[in-house]
Amino acid sequence: MTPDILLLCLASQLCLVTGQLLLKHAMTQTNLAPIPWWRVVRLFSLGIAILSGWFFLWGGLLQRKDLSYIYPCGGMGPALMLFGAWLFLKEKLTLQSCIGIGLISAGIALVSAS
């Protein structure tokens, strides 16, 4: 995999994870009383904008390479999401989730090697 494609794959996955984390954080704000609508709208809009960036990056990757070539990069998403949720949303990591991410990563490595 060339460095530019690898960088675009990483950027697309970071956009996907960041957008999802922002949407989750925005929706969590709706549990507060009174609801801080300005914060909810700001986070939600930013999340949508970043997810739009993911969409266009992924589309650009699909234009340049075969899906079977770049799809394994999408497998980074669950690992990055787990790490991001732990780091930014203060969610707990369990042994099962870490084992699951390890198995997903091993599967992606096997698919990428073929």
Foldseek 3Di string as FASTA:
>chain_A
DDPVLLVLLVLLLVLLLQLVVLLVVLVVQVPDVPRPVVSSVVSNVVSVVSNVVSVVSVVVSVVVDPCLQRVLSNLVNLVVNVVCCCPPVVDDDDPVSVVVNVVSVVVSVVSNVD
